[in-house]
Amino acid sequence: MFLNLVILSTILVPICLVPLEAQQSPLQVELISIGPVSPLSTTSLVYIAPAMETTVEELNNGPYTGHVKFSLKFLYNRSLSNGNDVQYYSDQMMANWYYMDRSKTANVSIIILPGGPEDIYINRLAANWNVLLLTW
């Protein structure tokens, strides 16, 4: 996961590095991840969320402060006890985020998936929405 965010910052930051005096506000990047909260799956947010939160915090307090502002949102359903059940609800959770909860101030939205059976459903949605999707 850390590698994905490093690659992400390597791609985005050189594009948006404009002198601060010419920049009206930082580029707002919204990162979204989805997954189970049950520790039975290696793609569980229990395992990946802390690393993602730490990385976003480091990116926001690093050399890109004032140029890029990352935000992070996790989509999950606590009632799903089996990690494989996420695939049956992932498209609904992602559509709810996109149409109802998506940040209106974000310049870029990026979906980051830890890899699981739900990827194919979210891939179809992201392609239609023209939203960047990273999986690993």
N, C-alpha and C. Protein backbone atom coordinates (compact mmCIF):
# COMPACT_ATOMS: atom_id res chain seq x y z
N MET A 1 0.82 -1.18 0.00
CA MET A 1 0.00 0.00 0.00
C MET A 1 0.87 1.25 0.00
N PHE A 2 1.90 1.25 0.83
CA PHE A 2 2.78 2.41 0.89
C PHE A 2 3.38 2.69 -0.48
N LEU A 3 3.75 1.61 -1.18
CA LEU A 3 4.33 1.77 -2.51
C LEU A 3 3.35 2.44 -3.46
N ASN A 4 2.07 2.06 -3.39
CA ASN A 4 1.06 2.70 -4.24
C ASN A 4 0.99 4.19 -3.98
N LEU A 5 1.01 4.60 -2.72
CA LEU A 5 0.92 6.02 -2.41
C LEU A 5 2.19 6.76 -2.80
N VAL A 6 3.33 6.10 -2.70
CA VAL A 6 4.58 6.73 -3.15
C VAL A 6 4.53 6.93 -4.66
N ILE A 7 4.08 5.91 -5.38
CA ILE A 7 3.95 6.03 -6.83
C ILE A 7 2.94 7.13 -7.16
N LEU A 8 1.85 7.13 -6.44
CA LEU A 8 0.82 8.14 -6.65
C LEU A 8 1.38 9.54 -6.45
N SER A 9 2.12 9.74 -5.38
CA SER A 9 2.68 11.07 -5.13
C SER A 9 3.73 11.41 -6.18
N THR A 10 4.45 10.42 -6.67
CA THR A 10 5.45 10.66 -7.70
C THR A 10 4.80 11.09 -9.01
N ILE A 11 3.62 10.55 -9.29
CA ILE A 11 2.90 10.90 -10.52
C ILE A 11 2.25 12.27 -10.40
N LEU A 12 1.55 12.51 -9.31
CA LEU A 12 0.75 13.73 -9.19
C LEU A 12 1.56 14.98 -8.89
N VAL A 13 2.51 14.86 -8.00
CA VAL A 13 3.18 16.05 -7.50
C VAL A 13 3.95 16.81 -8.58
N PRO A 14 4.74 16.16 -9.44
CA PRO A 14 5.43 16.95 -10.46
C PRO A 14 4.47 17.67 -11.40
N ILE A 15 3.30 17.10 -11.62
CA ILE A 15 2.32 17.72 -12.51
C ILE A 15 1.77 19.00 -11.90
N CYS A 16 1.57 18.99 -10.59
CA CYS A 16 0.87 20.11 -9.97
C CYS A 16 1.80 21.08 -9.24
N LEU A 17 3.10 20.90 -9.34
CA LEU A 17 4.00 21.82 -8.65
C LEU A 17 4.09 23.13 -9.41
N VAL A 18 3.29 24.03 -8.99
CA VAL A 18 3.24 25.37 -9.54
C VAL A 18 3.77 26.28 -8.45
N PRO A 19 4.49 27.32 -8.78
CA PRO A 19 4.96 28.22 -7.72
C PRO A 19 3.80 28.66 -6.83
N LEU A 20 4.05 28.68 -5.52
CA LEU A 20 2.99 29.00 -4.57
C LEU A 20 2.31 30.32 -4.85
N GLU A 21 3.06 31.30 -5.32
CA GLU A 21 2.44 32.60 -5.58
C GLU A 21 1.46 32.53 -6.75
N ALA A 22 1.63 31.57 -7.65
CA ALA A 22 0.72 31.42 -8.79
C ALA A 22 -0.41 30.45 -8.48
N GLN A 23 -0.29 29.72 -7.39
CA GLN A 23 -1.26 28.70 -7.03
C GLN A 23 -2.30 29.29 -6.08
N GLN A 24 -3.56 29.20 -6.45
CA GLN A 24 -4.62 29.76 -5.61
C GLN A 24 -4.89 28.90 -4.39
N SER A 25 -4.88 27.60 -4.56
CA SER A 25 -5.10 26.68 -3.45
C SER A 25 -4.44 25.35 -3.78
N PRO A 26 -4.18 24.54 -2.75
CA PRO A 26 -3.54 23.24 -3.02
C PRO A 26 -4.45 22.32 -3.83
N LEU A 27 -3.83 21.44 -4.58
CA LEU A 27 -4.56 20.41 -5.30
C LEU A 27 -5.16 19.46 -4.27
N GLN A 28 -6.46 19.27 -4.29
CA GLN A 28 -7.15 18.40 -3.35
C GLN A 28 -7.28 17.01 -3.96
N VAL A 29 -6.68 16.01 -3.32
CA VAL A 29 -6.72 14.63 -3.80
C VAL A 29 -7.46 13.79 -2.77
N GLU A 30 -8.56 13.20 -3.20
CA GLU A 30 -9.36 12.35 -2.32
C GLU A 30 -9.04 10.89 -2.63
N LEU A 31 -8.57 10.15 -1.63
CA LEU A 31 -8.26 8.73 -1.78
C LEU A 31 -9.37 7.93 -1.12
N ILE A 32 -9.87 6.92 -1.82
CA ILE A 32 -10.96 6.09 -1.32
C ILE A 32 -10.52 4.64 -1.37
N SER A 33 -10.77 3.92 -0.30
CA SER A 33 -10.48 2.49 -0.28
C SER A 33 -11.69 1.77 0.30
N ILE A 34 -11.87 0.55 -0.13
CA ILE A 34 -13.01 -0.25 0.32
C ILE A 34 -12.49 -1.62 0.74
N GLY A 35 -13.14 -2.20 1.72
CA GLY A 35 -12.72 -3.52 2.14
C GLY A 35 -13.49 -4.00 3.35
N PRO A 36 -13.26 -5.24 3.71
CA PRO A 36 -13.93 -5.78 4.89
C PRO A 36 -13.24 -5.28 6.16
N VAL A 37 -13.95 -5.31 7.26
CA VAL A 37 -13.35 -4.95 8.55
C VAL A 37 -13.07 -6.19 9.38
N SER A 38 -13.42 -7.34 8.87
CA SER A 38 -13.14 -8.60 9.55
C SER A 38 -11.66 -8.95 9.39
N PRO A 39 -10.98 -9.33 10.47
CA PRO A 39 -9.56 -9.67 10.36
C PRO A 39 -9.30 -11.03 9.70
N LEU A 40 -10.34 -11.66 9.15
CA LEU A 40 -10.18 -12.96 8.52
C LEU A 40 -9.59 -12.87 7.12
N SER A 41 -9.54 -11.68 6.55
CA SER A 41 -9.05 -11.49 5.19
C SER A 41 -7.79 -10.64 5.20
N THR A 42 -6.85 -10.97 4.34
CA THR A 42 -5.62 -10.17 4.26
C THR A 42 -5.87 -8.81 3.62
N THR A 43 -7.01 -8.65 2.96
CA THR A 43 -7.35 -7.36 2.37
C THR A 43 -8.19 -6.52 3.32
N SER A 44 -8.29 -6.94 4.55
CA SER A 44 -9.10 -6.25 5.54
C SER A 44 -8.54 -4.86 5.84
N LEU A 45 -9.44 -3.93 6.07
CA LEU A 45 -9.04 -2.58 6.45
C LEU A 45 -8.32 -2.58 7.80
N VAL A 46 -8.55 -3.61 8.59
CA VAL A 46 -7.85 -3.74 9.87
C VAL A 46 -6.33 -3.74 9.64
N TYR A 47 -5.90 -4.32 8.54
CA TYR A 47 -4.47 -4.43 8.25
C TYR A 47 -3.94 -3.29 7.40
N ILE A 48 -4.73 -2.81 6.45
CA ILE A 48 -4.19 -1.83 5.50
C ILE A 48 -4.47 -0.38 5.89
N ALA A 49 -5.53 -0.13 6.64
CA ALA A 49 -5.90 1.26 6.97
C ALA A 49 -4.82 2.00 7.76
N PRO A 50 -4.20 1.39 8.77
CA PRO A 50 -3.17 2.15 9.51
C PRO A 50 -2.01 2.60 8.63
N ALA A 51 -1.58 1.76 7.72
CA ALA A 51 -0.48 2.14 6.82
C ALA A 51 -0.91 3.27 5.89
N MET A 52 -2.13 3.20 5.40
CA MET A 52 -2.61 4.26 4.51
C MET A 52 -2.74 5.58 5.26
N GLU A 53 -3.27 5.54 6.47
CA GLU A 53 -3.42 6.76 7.26
C GLU A 53 -2.07 7.40 7.56
N THR A 54 -1.10 6.57 7.91
CA THR A 54 0.24 7.09 8.20
C THR A 54 0.87 7.71 6.97
N THR A 55 0.71 7.06 5.84
CA THR A 55 1.29 7.58 4.59
C THR A 55 0.65 8.90 4.19
N VAL A 56 -0.67 8.99 4.30
CA VAL A 56 -1.35 10.24 3.95
C VAL A 56 -0.92 11.37 4.89
N GLU A 57 -0.77 11.05 6.16
CA GLU A 57 -0.31 12.05 7.12
C GLU A 57 1.10 12.54 6.76
N GLU A 58 1.98 11.61 6.40
CA GLU A 58 3.34 11.99 6.02
C GLU A 58 3.35 12.81 4.74
N LEU A 59 2.51 12.44 3.78
CA LEU A 59 2.44 13.21 2.54
C LEU A 59 1.93 14.63 2.79
N ASN A 60 0.94 14.76 3.67
CA ASN A 60 0.38 16.08 3.96
C ASN A 60 1.32 16.96 4.77
N ASN A 61 2.23 16.36 5.52
CA ASN A 61 3.17 17.14 6.33
C ASN A 61 4.57 17.16 5.75
N GLY A 62 4.71 16.69 4.54
CA GLY A 62 6.02 16.61 3.91
C GLY A 62 6.31 17.81 3.03
N PRO A 63 7.17 17.59 2.06
CA PRO A 63 7.61 18.70 1.20
C PRO A 63 6.53 19.24 0.27
N TYR A 64 5.39 18.56 0.18
CA TYR A 64 4.34 19.01 -0.74
C TYR A 64 3.28 19.86 -0.05
N THR A 65 3.49 20.17 1.22
CA THR A 65 2.55 20.99 1.96
C THR A 65 2.35 22.31 1.22
N GLY A 66 1.11 22.68 1.03
CA GLY A 66 0.80 23.90 0.29
C GLY A 66 0.56 23.66 -1.18
N HIS A 67 1.03 22.52 -1.69
CA HIS A 67 0.83 22.18 -3.10
C HIS A 67 -0.26 21.14 -3.29
N VAL A 68 -0.23 20.10 -2.44
CA VAL A 68 -1.16 18.99 -2.55
C VAL A 68 -1.70 18.67 -1.16
N LYS A 69 -3.00 18.43 -1.08
CA LYS A 69 -3.64 18.04 0.18
C LYS A 69 -4.38 16.74 -0.06
N PHE A 70 -3.94 15.67 0.61
CA PHE A 70 -4.56 14.37 0.47
C PHE A 70 -5.60 14.17 1.57
N SER A 71 -6.72 13.57 1.22
CA SER A 71 -7.71 13.14 2.21
C SER A 71 -7.98 11.66 1.95
N LEU A 72 -8.43 10.97 2.97
CA LEU A 72 -8.59 9.52 2.90
C LEU A 72 -9.94 9.13 3.45
N LYS A 73 -10.63 8.27 2.72
CA LYS A 73 -11.94 7.78 3.16
C LYS A 73 -11.99 6.27 2.97
N PHE A 74 -12.49 5.58 3.99
CA PHE A 74 -12.66 4.13 3.92
C PHE A 74 -14.14 3.81 3.82
N LEU A 75 -14.47 2.91 2.91
CA LEU A 75 -15.85 2.44 2.76
C LEU A 75 -15.92 1.00 3.26
N TYR A 76 -16.85 0.75 4.16
CA TYR A 76 -16.99 -0.59 4.71
C TYR A 76 -18.40 -0.78 5.26
N ASN A 77 -18.73 -2.03 5.50
CA ASN A 77 -20.02 -2.39 6.07
C ASN A 77 -19.73 -3.30 7.26
N ARG A 78 -19.96 -2.81 8.45
CA ARG A 78 -19.65 -3.58 9.67
C ARG A 78 -20.46 -4.87 9.79
N SER A 79 -21.59 -4.94 9.13
CA SER A 79 -22.44 -6.13 9.27
C SER A 79 -21.90 -7.32 8.47
N LEU A 80 -20.91 -7.10 7.62
CA LEU A 80 -20.34 -8.20 6.84
C LEU A 80 -19.23 -8.86 7.65
N SER A 81 -19.47 -10.09 8.08
CA SER A 81 -18.47 -10.78 8.90
C SER A 81 -17.47 -11.55 8.05
N ASN A 82 -17.84 -11.87 6.84
CA ASN A 82 -16.96 -12.62 5.95
C ASN A 82 -16.37 -11.66 4.92
N GLY A 83 -15.06 -11.66 4.78
CA GLY A 83 -14.40 -10.77 3.84
C GLY A 83 -14.85 -10.94 2.41
N ASN A 84 -15.26 -12.14 2.03
CA ASN A 84 -15.71 -12.39 0.66
C ASN A 84 -17.07 -11.77 0.37
N ASP A 85 -17.83 -11.44 1.40
CA ASP A 85 -19.15 -10.84 1.19
C ASP A 85 -19.07 -9.40 0.68
N VAL A 86 -17.93 -8.78 0.82
CA VAL A 86 -17.77 -7.38 0.39
C VAL A 86 -18.06 -7.26 -1.10
N GLN A 87 -17.71 -8.28 -1.88
CA GLN A 87 -17.92 -8.20 -3.32
C GLN A 87 -19.39 -8.00 -3.69
N TYR A 88 -20.31 -8.47 -2.85
CA TYR A 88 -21.73 -8.36 -3.16
C TYR A 88 -22.29 -6.98 -2.85
N TYR A 89 -21.57 -6.21 -2.06
CA TYR A 89 -22.04 -4.88 -1.66
C TYR A 89 -21.11 -3.76 -2.11
N SER A 90 -19.99 -4.11 -2.71
CA SER A 90 -18.98 -3.11 -3.05
C SER A 90 -19.48 -2.09 -4.06
N ASP A 91 -20.22 -2.54 -5.06
CA ASP A 91 -20.72 -1.58 -6.05
C ASP A 91 -21.71 -0.61 -5.43
N GLN A 92 -22.54 -1.08 -4.52
CA GLN A 92 -23.49 -0.20 -3.84
C GLN A 92 -22.76 0.80 -2.95
N MET A 93 -21.77 0.34 -2.18
CA MET A 93 -21.02 1.24 -1.31
C MET A 93 -20.27 2.29 -2.13
N MET A 94 -19.68 1.85 -3.24
CA MET A 94 -18.93 2.77 -4.08
C MET A 94 -19.86 3.78 -4.76
N ALA A 95 -21.01 3.32 -5.22
CA ALA A 95 -21.97 4.24 -5.86
C ALA A 95 -22.50 5.24 -4.84
N ASN A 96 -22.75 4.80 -3.62
CA ASN A 96 -23.18 5.74 -2.57
C ASN A 96 -22.13 6.81 -2.34
N TRP A 97 -20.86 6.40 -2.31
CA TRP A 97 -19.80 7.39 -2.15
C TRP A 97 -19.79 8.36 -3.33
N TYR A 98 -19.82 7.83 -4.54
CA TYR A 98 -19.67 8.67 -5.73
C TYR A 98 -20.82 9.67 -5.88
N TYR A 99 -22.03 9.20 -5.69
CA TYR A 99 -23.19 10.07 -5.94
C TYR A 99 -23.63 10.88 -4.73
N MET A 100 -23.26 10.45 -3.52
CA MET A 100 -23.77 11.14 -2.34
C MET A 100 -22.68 11.73 -1.44
N ASP A 101 -21.58 11.02 -1.25
CA ASP A 101 -20.59 11.43 -0.26
C ASP A 101 -19.30 11.99 -0.83
N ARG A 102 -19.13 11.92 -2.13
CA ARG A 102 -17.87 12.35 -2.74
C ARG A 102 -17.61 13.82 -2.44
N SER A 103 -16.36 14.11 -2.16
CA SER A 103 -15.97 15.49 -1.86
C SER A 103 -16.14 16.36 -3.10
N LYS A 104 -16.87 17.43 -2.94
CA LYS A 104 -17.09 18.35 -4.06
C LYS A 104 -15.90 19.29 -4.25
N THR A 105 -15.03 19.36 -3.25
CA THR A 105 -13.86 20.24 -3.35
C THR A 105 -12.63 19.52 -3.89
N ALA A 106 -12.69 18.20 -4.00
CA ALA A 106 -11.52 17.45 -4.49
C ALA A 106 -11.33 17.68 -5.98
N ASN A 107 -10.09 17.95 -6.37
CA ASN A 107 -9.76 18.08 -7.78
C ASN A 107 -9.60 16.71 -8.43
N VAL A 108 -9.13 15.75 -7.64
CA VAL A 108 -8.86 14.40 -8.13
C VAL A 108 -9.39 13.40 -7.11
N SER A 109 -10.09 12.39 -7.59
CA SER A 109 -10.52 11.27 -6.74
C SER A 109 -9.81 10.02 -7.23
N ILE A 110 -9.27 9.26 -6.29
CA ILE A 110 -8.53 8.05 -6.65
C ILE A 110 -9.02 6.91 -5.76
N ILE A 111 -9.42 5.82 -6.39
CA ILE A 111 -9.86 4.63 -5.67
C ILE A 111 -8.66 3.70 -5.56
N ILE A 112 -8.34 3.29 -4.34
CA ILE A 112 -7.22 2.38 -4.09
C ILE A 112 -7.79 1.10 -3.49
N LEU A 113 -7.59 -0.01 -4.18
CA LEU A 113 -8.13 -1.29 -3.72
C LEU A 113 -7.00 -2.23 -3.31
N PRO A 114 -7.19 -2.94 -2.20
CA PRO A 114 -6.16 -3.87 -1.74
C PRO A 114 -6.14 -5.18 -2.51
N GLY A 115 -7.04 -5.37 -3.41
CA GLY A 115 -7.09 -6.61 -4.19
C GLY A 115 -8.03 -7.60 -3.55
N GLY A 116 -9.06 -7.92 -4.24
CA GLY A 116 -10.06 -8.85 -3.72
C GLY A 116 -11.11 -9.11 -4.78
N PRO A 117 -12.09 -9.93 -4.45
CA PRO A 117 -13.10 -10.27 -5.44
C PRO A 117 -13.98 -9.10 -5.86
N GLU A 118 -13.98 -8.02 -5.07
CA GLU A 118 -14.81 -6.86 -5.41
C GLU A 118 -14.18 -5.98 -6.49
N ASP A 119 -12.93 -6.20 -6.81
CA ASP A 119 -12.22 -5.33 -7.75
C ASP A 119 -12.90 -5.22 -9.11
N ILE A 120 -13.41 -6.31 -9.63
CA ILE A 120 -14.00 -6.29 -10.97
C ILE A 120 -15.23 -5.39 -11.02
N TYR A 121 -16.03 -5.39 -9.97
CA TYR A 121 -17.24 -4.56 -9.95
C TYR A 121 -16.87 -3.08 -9.85
N ILE A 122 -15.92 -2.78 -9.00
CA ILE A 122 -15.50 -1.39 -8.82
C ILE A 122 -14.76 -0.89 -10.06
N ASN A 123 -14.03 -1.77 -10.72
CA ASN A 123 -13.33 -1.39 -11.95
C ASN A 123 -14.32 -0.89 -13.00
N ARG A 124 -15.43 -1.56 -13.13
CA ARG A 124 -16.45 -1.14 -14.10
C ARG A 124 -17.01 0.23 -13.76
N LEU A 125 -17.28 0.46 -12.48
CA LEU A 125 -17.81 1.76 -12.07
C LEU A 125 -16.78 2.86 -12.30
N ALA A 126 -15.55 2.62 -11.88
CA ALA A 126 -14.50 3.64 -12.01
C ALA A 126 -14.27 4.00 -13.48
N ALA A 127 -14.34 3.02 -14.35
CA ALA A 127 -14.14 3.28 -15.78
C ALA A 127 -15.24 4.20 -16.31
N ASN A 128 -16.47 3.97 -15.90
CA ASN A 128 -17.58 4.81 -16.36
C ASN A 128 -17.54 6.20 -15.75
N TRP A 129 -16.99 6.32 -14.56
CA TRP A 129 -16.91 7.62 -13.89
C TRP A 129 -15.64 8.38 -14.27
N ASN A 130 -14.73 7.72 -14.96
CA ASN A 130 -13.44 8.32 -15.31
C ASN A 130 -12.65 8.70 -14.05
N VAL A 131 -12.62 7.77 -13.09
CA VAL A 131 -11.91 7.94 -11.83
C VAL A 131 -10.70 7.00 -11.84
N LEU A 132 -9.55 7.52 -11.43
CA LEU A 132 -8.34 6.71 -11.38
C LEU A 132 -8.52 5.58 -10.38
N LEU A 133 -8.11 4.37 -10.77
CA LEU A 133 -8.24 3.19 -9.92
C LEU A 133 -6.88 2.52 -9.81
N LEU A 134 -6.42 2.31 -8.58
CA LEU A 134 -5.17 1.60 -8.33
C LEU A 134 -5.49 0.34 -7.54
N THR A 135 -4.98 -0.80 -8.02
CA THR A 135 -5.14 -2.05 -7.28
C THR A 135 -3.77 -2.67 -7.10
N TRP A 136 -3.68 -3.54 -6.14
CA TRP A 136 -2.41 -4.24 -5.92
C TRP A 136 -2.64 -5.62 -5.40
